[in-house]
Amino acid sequence: YLANFLFGKEFTLKSSTGKNKVISLNTRSSVFGPNRSTPIDLAASLERGYGKYIEEKAYTEQLDVVLTFNLGVTYRINKAKTTQEIKLDVQNITGNAARVGNYFDRDKGSIVYYNQMPTLPVLSYLVNF
C-alpha cells in the first residue's frame, strides 16, 4: 500500500521596488509497504561465496513499513523577465530508518539489511528567464 499527504502554502510579500517576493512552505508525508523479500539461505551462500535465495519461499519475508516526512521552504523573487528561487528541501526529516532490503555480504559472511535513506537536506537555486 501507499499513502501520500501533501500540504503547501504560498505567502506573497510586496516590495516597493516592483519585485514580487514569495515564500512558500510545503510538506509531504508518505507511508508505504511493507516491502517483500526472498529469504537468503545463509549456509548455501557461505558455501558458494554469493547470495543464494530460497526460491520456494519467494517474497515471504516481510520488511518494515516505510514512513517519510519531507519539509520544503522556498524563497522566490519574481521580476519582469526573470524569476529566481532558492529552496531548502529536507527529506526524511524524522530520520526514520526502516529496513527496506537485504543482501549477502561475502566479506562479513552474513546477511546485511539496509535501511531507507537518512535525513537529507537538499539546497537548490533556480533561475528562470
N, C-alpha and C. Protein backbone atom coordinates (compact mmCIF):
# COMPACT_ATOMS: atom_id res chain seq x y z
N TYR A 1 0.82 -1.18 0.00
CA TYR A 1 0.00 0.00 0.00
C TYR A 1 0.87 1.24 0.00
N LEU A 2 0.25 2.35 -0.37
CA LEU A 2 0.95 3.62 -0.42
C LEU A 2 -0.04 4.73 -0.12
N ALA A 3 0.35 5.65 0.73
CA ALA A 3 -0.48 6.82 1.03
C ALA A 3 0.42 8.05 1.09
N ASN A 4 0.01 9.11 0.41
CA ASN A 4 0.73 10.38 0.41
C ASN A 4 -0.18 11.47 0.97
N PHE A 5 0.40 12.35 1.74
CA PHE A 5 -0.32 13.51 2.26
C PHE A 5 0.51 14.74 1.91
N LEU A 6 -0.10 15.68 1.19
CA LEU A 6 0.62 16.87 0.74
C LEU A 6 -0.06 18.13 1.26
N PHE A 7 0.73 19.12 1.60
CA PHE A 7 0.20 20.41 2.01
C PHE A 7 1.21 21.48 1.62
N GLY A 8 0.72 22.57 1.08
CA GLY A 8 1.60 23.68 0.71
C GLY A 8 0.87 25.00 0.80
N LYS A 9 1.61 26.05 1.07
CA LYS A 9 1.03 27.38 1.17
C LYS A 9 2.06 28.40 0.72
N GLU A 10 1.62 29.37 -0.09
CA GLU A 10 2.48 30.46 -0.53
C GLU A 10 2.05 31.76 0.13
N PHE A 11 3.04 32.55 0.51
CA PHE A 11 2.80 33.84 1.12
C PHE A 11 3.48 34.90 0.26
N THR A 12 2.71 35.85 -0.27
CA THR A 12 3.25 36.90 -1.13
C THR A 12 3.68 38.09 -0.29
N LEU A 13 4.89 38.55 -0.53
CA LEU A 13 5.44 39.71 0.15
C LEU A 13 5.55 40.84 -0.87
N LYS A 14 4.97 41.98 -0.62
CA LYS A 14 5.05 43.13 -1.53
C LYS A 14 6.30 43.93 -1.24
N SER A 15 6.90 44.48 -2.30
CA SER A 15 8.07 45.34 -2.10
C SER A 15 7.89 46.63 -2.90
N SER A 16 8.56 47.66 -2.48
CA SER A 16 8.44 48.97 -3.13
C SER A 16 9.20 49.04 -4.45
N THR A 17 10.07 48.08 -4.73
CA THR A 17 10.88 48.10 -5.95
C THR A 17 10.17 47.43 -7.12
N GLY A 18 8.98 46.97 -6.95
CA GLY A 18 8.24 46.34 -8.04
C GLY A 18 8.48 44.85 -8.16
N LYS A 19 9.27 44.30 -7.27
CA LYS A 19 9.53 42.86 -7.29
C LYS A 19 8.51 42.17 -6.39
N ASN A 20 7.95 41.11 -6.88
CA ASN A 20 7.08 40.31 -6.04
C ASN A 20 7.92 39.21 -5.42
N LYS A 21 7.86 39.11 -4.12
CA LYS A 21 8.61 38.09 -3.41
C LYS A 21 7.62 37.12 -2.78
N VAL A 22 7.96 35.85 -2.88
CA VAL A 22 7.06 34.81 -2.39
C VAL A 22 7.84 33.85 -1.51
N ILE A 23 7.27 33.54 -0.38
CA ILE A 23 7.79 32.48 0.48
C ILE A 23 6.76 31.36 0.47
N SER A 24 7.23 30.15 0.21
CA SER A 24 6.29 29.02 0.21
C SER A 24 6.80 27.93 1.13
N LEU A 25 5.88 27.29 1.79
CA LEU A 25 6.15 26.18 2.68
C LEU A 25 5.39 24.97 2.16
N ASN A 26 6.03 23.82 2.16
CA ASN A 26 5.32 22.63 1.72
C ASN A 26 5.81 21.42 2.51
N THR A 27 4.93 20.48 2.66
CA THR A 27 5.25 19.24 3.36
C THR A 27 4.71 18.07 2.55
N ARG A 28 5.37 16.96 2.72
CA ARG A 28 4.89 15.72 2.11
C ARG A 28 5.17 14.59 3.10
N SER A 29 4.16 13.83 3.35
CA SER A 29 4.31 12.68 4.22
C SER A 29 3.86 11.45 3.44
N SER A 30 4.66 10.39 3.49
CA SER A 30 4.33 9.16 2.77
C SER A 30 4.49 7.98 3.70
N VAL A 31 3.61 7.03 3.53
CA VAL A 31 3.73 5.76 4.23
C VAL A 31 3.47 4.67 3.20
N PHE A 32 4.36 3.68 3.14
CA PHE A 32 4.17 2.59 2.19
C PHE A 32 4.84 1.32 2.69
N GLY A 33 4.39 0.25 2.13
CA GLY A 33 4.99 -1.03 2.49
C GLY A 33 3.96 -1.96 3.10
N PRO A 34 4.36 -2.97 3.71
CA PRO A 34 5.74 -3.38 3.83
C PRO A 34 6.22 -4.05 2.54
N ASN A 35 7.46 -3.78 2.17
CA ASN A 35 8.05 -4.46 1.01
C ASN A 35 8.28 -5.93 1.34
N ARG A 36 8.33 -6.73 0.32
CA ARG A 36 8.57 -8.17 0.48
C ARG A 36 9.94 -8.52 -0.05
N SER A 37 10.51 -9.57 0.50
CA SER A 37 11.84 -10.01 0.10
C SER A 37 11.88 -11.53 0.09
N THR A 38 12.79 -12.07 -0.69
CA THR A 38 13.02 -13.51 -0.72
C THR A 38 14.12 -13.83 0.29
N PRO A 39 13.88 -14.78 1.20
CA PRO A 39 14.91 -15.12 2.20
C PRO A 39 16.19 -15.65 1.55
N ILE A 40 17.30 -15.41 2.21
CA ILE A 40 18.61 -15.87 1.74
C ILE A 40 19.01 -17.08 2.57
N ASP A 41 19.47 -18.12 1.89
CA ASP A 41 19.97 -19.32 2.56
C ASP A 41 21.42 -19.05 2.95
N LEU A 42 21.65 -18.77 4.23
CA LEU A 42 22.98 -18.37 4.69
C LEU A 42 24.01 -19.48 4.49
N ALA A 43 23.66 -20.72 4.84
CA ALA A 43 24.62 -21.83 4.71
C ALA A 43 25.04 -22.02 3.25
N ALA A 44 24.07 -22.02 2.34
CA ALA A 44 24.39 -22.19 0.92
C ALA A 44 25.16 -20.99 0.37
N SER A 45 24.87 -19.81 0.87
CA SER A 45 25.58 -18.61 0.43
C SER A 45 27.03 -18.64 0.88
N LEU A 46 27.26 -19.08 2.12
CA LEU A 46 28.64 -19.19 2.61
C LEU A 46 29.42 -20.22 1.80
N GLU A 47 28.76 -21.31 1.46
CA GLU A 47 29.41 -22.36 0.69
C GLU A 47 29.78 -21.91 -0.72
N ARG A 48 28.88 -21.18 -1.37
CA ARG A 48 29.08 -20.76 -2.76
C ARG A 48 29.86 -19.45 -2.90
N GLY A 49 29.80 -18.62 -1.86
CA GLY A 49 30.51 -17.34 -1.93
C GLY A 49 29.67 -16.21 -2.52
N TYR A 50 28.41 -16.46 -2.77
CA TYR A 50 27.49 -15.42 -3.24
C TYR A 50 26.09 -15.73 -2.69
N GLY A 51 25.21 -14.73 -2.76
CA GLY A 51 23.89 -14.88 -2.19
C GLY A 51 23.05 -15.95 -2.89
N LYS A 52 22.58 -16.91 -2.12
CA LYS A 52 21.70 -17.98 -2.64
C LYS A 52 20.34 -17.79 -1.98
N TYR A 53 19.35 -17.49 -2.81
CA TYR A 53 18.00 -17.25 -2.31
C TYR A 53 17.20 -18.54 -2.24
N ILE A 54 16.28 -18.59 -1.31
CA ILE A 54 15.39 -19.74 -1.16
C ILE A 54 14.18 -19.49 -2.06
N GLU A 55 14.25 -19.98 -3.28
CA GLU A 55 13.23 -19.68 -4.30
C GLU A 55 11.85 -20.19 -3.92
N GLU A 56 11.78 -21.29 -3.16
CA GLU A 56 10.48 -21.83 -2.76
C GLU A 56 9.72 -20.88 -1.83
N LYS A 57 10.45 -19.97 -1.21
CA LYS A 57 9.85 -19.01 -0.28
C LYS A 57 9.93 -17.59 -0.83
N ALA A 58 9.80 -17.47 -2.14
CA ALA A 58 9.93 -16.16 -2.78
C ALA A 58 8.93 -15.16 -2.21
N TYR A 59 9.42 -14.01 -1.82
CA TYR A 59 8.64 -12.87 -1.32
C TYR A 59 7.83 -13.19 -0.07
N THR A 60 8.31 -14.10 0.76
CA THR A 60 7.60 -14.42 2.00
C THR A 60 8.14 -13.61 3.19
N GLU A 61 9.34 -13.06 3.06
CA GLU A 61 9.90 -12.26 4.14
C GLU A 61 9.35 -10.85 4.05
N GLN A 62 8.82 -10.37 5.17
CA GLN A 62 8.22 -9.05 5.20
C GLN A 62 9.19 -8.06 5.83
N LEU A 63 9.46 -6.96 5.13
CA LEU A 63 10.34 -5.92 5.65
C LEU A 63 9.50 -4.87 6.36
N ASP A 64 10.10 -3.75 6.75
CA ASP A 64 9.41 -2.73 7.54
C ASP A 64 8.51 -1.82 6.70
N VAL A 65 7.54 -1.23 7.36
CA VAL A 65 6.73 -0.17 6.76
C VAL A 65 7.59 1.09 6.73
N VAL A 66 7.59 1.79 5.61
CA VAL A 66 8.43 2.98 5.44
C VAL A 66 7.57 4.23 5.63
N LEU A 67 8.05 5.12 6.49
CA LEU A 67 7.38 6.39 6.75
C LEU A 67 8.38 7.51 6.48
N THR A 68 8.01 8.45 5.63
CA THR A 68 8.87 9.60 5.37
C THR A 68 8.08 10.88 5.58
N PHE A 69 8.79 11.90 5.99
CA PHE A 69 8.20 13.22 6.17
C PHE A 69 9.20 14.23 5.62
N ASN A 70 8.81 14.96 4.58
CA ASN A 70 9.67 15.94 3.93
C ASN A 70 9.13 17.35 4.18
N LEU A 71 10.04 18.29 4.31
CA LEU A 71 9.67 19.68 4.55
C LEU A 71 10.46 20.56 3.60
N GLY A 72 9.78 21.49 2.92
CA GLY A 72 10.44 22.38 1.98
C GLY A 72 10.09 23.84 2.24
N VAL A 73 11.08 24.70 2.09
CA VAL A 73 10.91 26.14 2.21
C VAL A 73 11.52 26.78 0.98
N THR A 74 10.75 27.63 0.31
CA THR A 74 11.21 28.27 -0.93
C THR A 74 11.05 29.78 -0.82
N TYR A 75 12.07 30.49 -1.29
CA TYR A 75 12.01 31.95 -1.39
C TYR A 75 12.18 32.30 -2.86
N ARG A 76 11.17 32.97 -3.43
CA ARG A 76 11.17 33.27 -4.87
C ARG A 76 11.01 34.78 -5.09
N ILE A 77 11.81 35.29 -6.03
CA ILE A 77 11.72 36.71 -6.43
C ILE A 77 11.29 36.74 -7.89
N ASN A 78 10.13 37.31 -8.14
CA ASN A 78 9.60 37.43 -9.50
C ASN A 78 9.91 38.82 -10.03
N LYS A 79 10.65 38.89 -11.14
CA LYS A 79 10.92 40.15 -11.82
C LYS A 79 10.20 40.13 -13.17
N ALA A 80 10.35 41.19 -13.94
CA ALA A 80 9.66 41.29 -15.22
C ALA A 80 10.07 40.18 -16.18
N LYS A 81 11.37 39.88 -16.29
CA LYS A 81 11.83 38.90 -17.27
C LYS A 81 12.49 37.66 -16.65
N THR A 82 12.71 37.67 -15.37
CA THR A 82 13.35 36.52 -14.72
C THR A 82 12.68 36.21 -13.38
N THR A 83 12.89 35.01 -12.95
CA THR A 83 12.47 34.57 -11.63
C THR A 83 13.63 33.83 -11.00
N GLN A 84 13.94 34.18 -9.76
CA GLN A 84 14.99 33.49 -9.02
C GLN A 84 14.35 32.79 -7.84
N GLU A 85 14.88 31.62 -7.55
CA GLU A 85 14.28 30.82 -6.49
C GLU A 85 15.38 30.07 -5.74
N ILE A 86 15.34 30.15 -4.44
CA ILE A 86 16.23 29.35 -3.61
C ILE A 86 15.34 28.47 -2.73
N LYS A 87 15.70 27.20 -2.65
CA LYS A 87 14.83 26.25 -1.97
C LYS A 87 15.66 25.33 -1.07
N LEU A 88 15.16 25.08 0.12
CA LEU A 88 15.72 24.09 1.02
C LEU A 88 14.66 23.02 1.21
N ASP A 89 15.01 21.81 0.84
CA ASP A 89 14.10 20.67 0.97
C ASP A 89 14.78 19.63 1.85
N VAL A 90 14.21 19.35 3.00
CA VAL A 90 14.77 18.37 3.91
C VAL A 90 13.93 17.10 3.80
N GLN A 91 14.55 16.03 3.30
CA GLN A 91 13.85 14.77 3.09
C GLN A 91 14.08 13.84 4.27
N ASN A 92 13.04 13.11 4.65
CA ASN A 92 13.05 12.20 5.80
C ASN A 92 13.52 12.95 7.05
N ILE A 93 12.82 14.03 7.34
CA ILE A 93 13.21 14.92 8.44
C ILE A 93 13.17 14.23 9.80
N THR A 94 12.38 13.18 9.93
CA THR A 94 12.29 12.47 11.21
C THR A 94 13.43 11.46 11.39
N GLY A 95 14.17 11.17 10.33
CA GLY A 95 15.28 10.23 10.43
C GLY A 95 14.85 8.78 10.56
N ASN A 96 13.64 8.46 10.15
CA ASN A 96 13.14 7.09 10.23
C ASN A 96 14.09 6.16 9.48
N ALA A 97 14.37 4.99 10.04
CA ALA A 97 15.35 4.07 9.46
C ALA A 97 14.74 2.68 9.29
N ALA A 98 13.72 2.58 8.47
CA ALA A 98 13.07 1.29 8.24
C ALA A 98 13.95 0.39 7.36
N ARG A 99 13.90 -0.93 7.60
CA ARG A 99 14.63 -1.89 6.76
C ARG A 99 13.89 -2.01 5.43
N VAL A 100 14.61 -1.78 4.32
CA VAL A 100 13.97 -1.83 3.01
C VAL A 100 14.55 -2.89 2.08
N GLY A 101 15.59 -3.59 2.51
CA GLY A 101 16.16 -4.62 1.66
C GLY A 101 17.27 -5.38 2.37
N ASN A 102 17.75 -6.45 1.72
CA ASN A 102 18.84 -7.23 2.29
C ASN A 102 19.70 -7.83 1.19
N TYR A 103 20.89 -8.26 1.58
CA TYR A 103 21.81 -8.92 0.65
C TYR A 103 22.80 -9.75 1.45
N PHE A 104 23.46 -10.67 0.79
CA PHE A 104 24.50 -11.47 1.41
C PHE A 104 25.83 -10.77 1.24
N ASP A 105 26.52 -10.51 2.34
CA ASP A 105 27.83 -9.87 2.31
C ASP A 105 28.90 -10.95 2.47
N ARG A 106 29.62 -11.22 1.41
CA ARG A 106 30.63 -12.28 1.41
C ARG A 106 31.76 -11.98 2.40
N ASP A 107 32.17 -10.72 2.49
CA ASP A 107 33.27 -10.36 3.39
C ASP A 107 32.90 -10.56 4.86
N LYS A 108 31.69 -10.23 5.22
CA LYS A 108 31.24 -10.39 6.60
C LYS A 108 30.73 -11.81 6.88
N GLY A 109 30.34 -12.51 5.82
CA GLY A 109 29.80 -13.85 5.98
C GLY A 109 28.43 -13.84 6.63
N SER A 110 27.65 -12.81 6.34
CA SER A 110 26.33 -12.70 6.96
C SER A 110 25.35 -11.99 6.03
N ILE A 111 24.11 -12.01 6.43
CA ILE A 111 23.06 -11.29 5.71
C ILE A 111 23.00 -9.88 6.29
N VAL A 112 23.02 -8.89 5.42
CA VAL A 112 23.01 -7.49 5.85
C VAL A 112 21.71 -6.85 5.38
N TYR A 113 21.05 -6.17 6.30
CA TYR A 113 19.85 -5.41 5.96
C TYR A 113 20.24 -3.95 5.79
N TYR A 114 19.63 -3.30 4.81
CA TYR A 114 19.90 -1.87 4.63
C TYR A 114 18.62 -1.09 4.84
N ASN A 115 18.82 0.15 5.28
CA ASN A 115 17.69 1.00 5.68
C ASN A 115 17.38 2.04 4.62
N GLN A 116 16.23 2.68 4.81
CA GLN A 116 15.83 3.75 3.90
C GLN A 116 16.80 4.91 4.02
N MET A 117 16.70 5.85 3.10
CA MET A 117 17.59 7.00 3.05
C MET A 117 17.52 7.79 4.37
N PRO A 118 18.67 8.21 4.90
CA PRO A 118 18.65 9.02 6.12
C PRO A 118 18.18 10.45 5.81
N THR A 119 18.16 11.29 6.82
CA THR A 119 17.79 12.69 6.62
C THR A 119 18.74 13.32 5.60
N LEU A 120 18.16 13.97 4.59
CA LEU A 120 18.96 14.52 3.51
C LEU A 120 18.49 15.94 3.19
N PRO A 121 19.29 16.96 3.52
CA PRO A 121 18.94 18.32 3.12
C PRO A 121 19.39 18.59 1.68
N VAL A 122 18.51 19.17 0.89
CA VAL A 122 18.82 19.49 -0.50
C VAL A 122 18.61 20.99 -0.69
N LEU A 123 19.68 21.69 -1.03
CA LEU A 123 19.61 23.13 -1.26
C LEU A 123 19.74 23.36 -2.76
N SER A 124 18.82 24.13 -3.33
CA SER A 124 18.88 24.39 -4.77
C SER A 124 18.63 25.85 -5.06
N TYR A 125 19.18 26.29 -6.20
CA TYR A 125 19.00 27.65 -6.68
C TYR A 125 18.59 27.55 -8.15
N LEU A 126 17.52 28.24 -8.52
CA LEU A 126 16.95 28.12 -9.85
C LEU A 126 16.70 29.52 -10.41
N VAL A 127 17.09 29.71 -11.68
CA VAL A 127 16.81 30.96 -12.39
C VAL A 127 16.01 30.64 -13.63
N ASN A 128 14.85 31.23 -13.77
CA ASN A 128 14.03 31.09 -14.98
C ASN A 128 14.04 32.40 -15.74
N PHE A 129 14.25 32.30 -17.05
CA PHE A 129 14.22 33.53 -17.87
C PHE A 129 13.59 33.25 -19.20
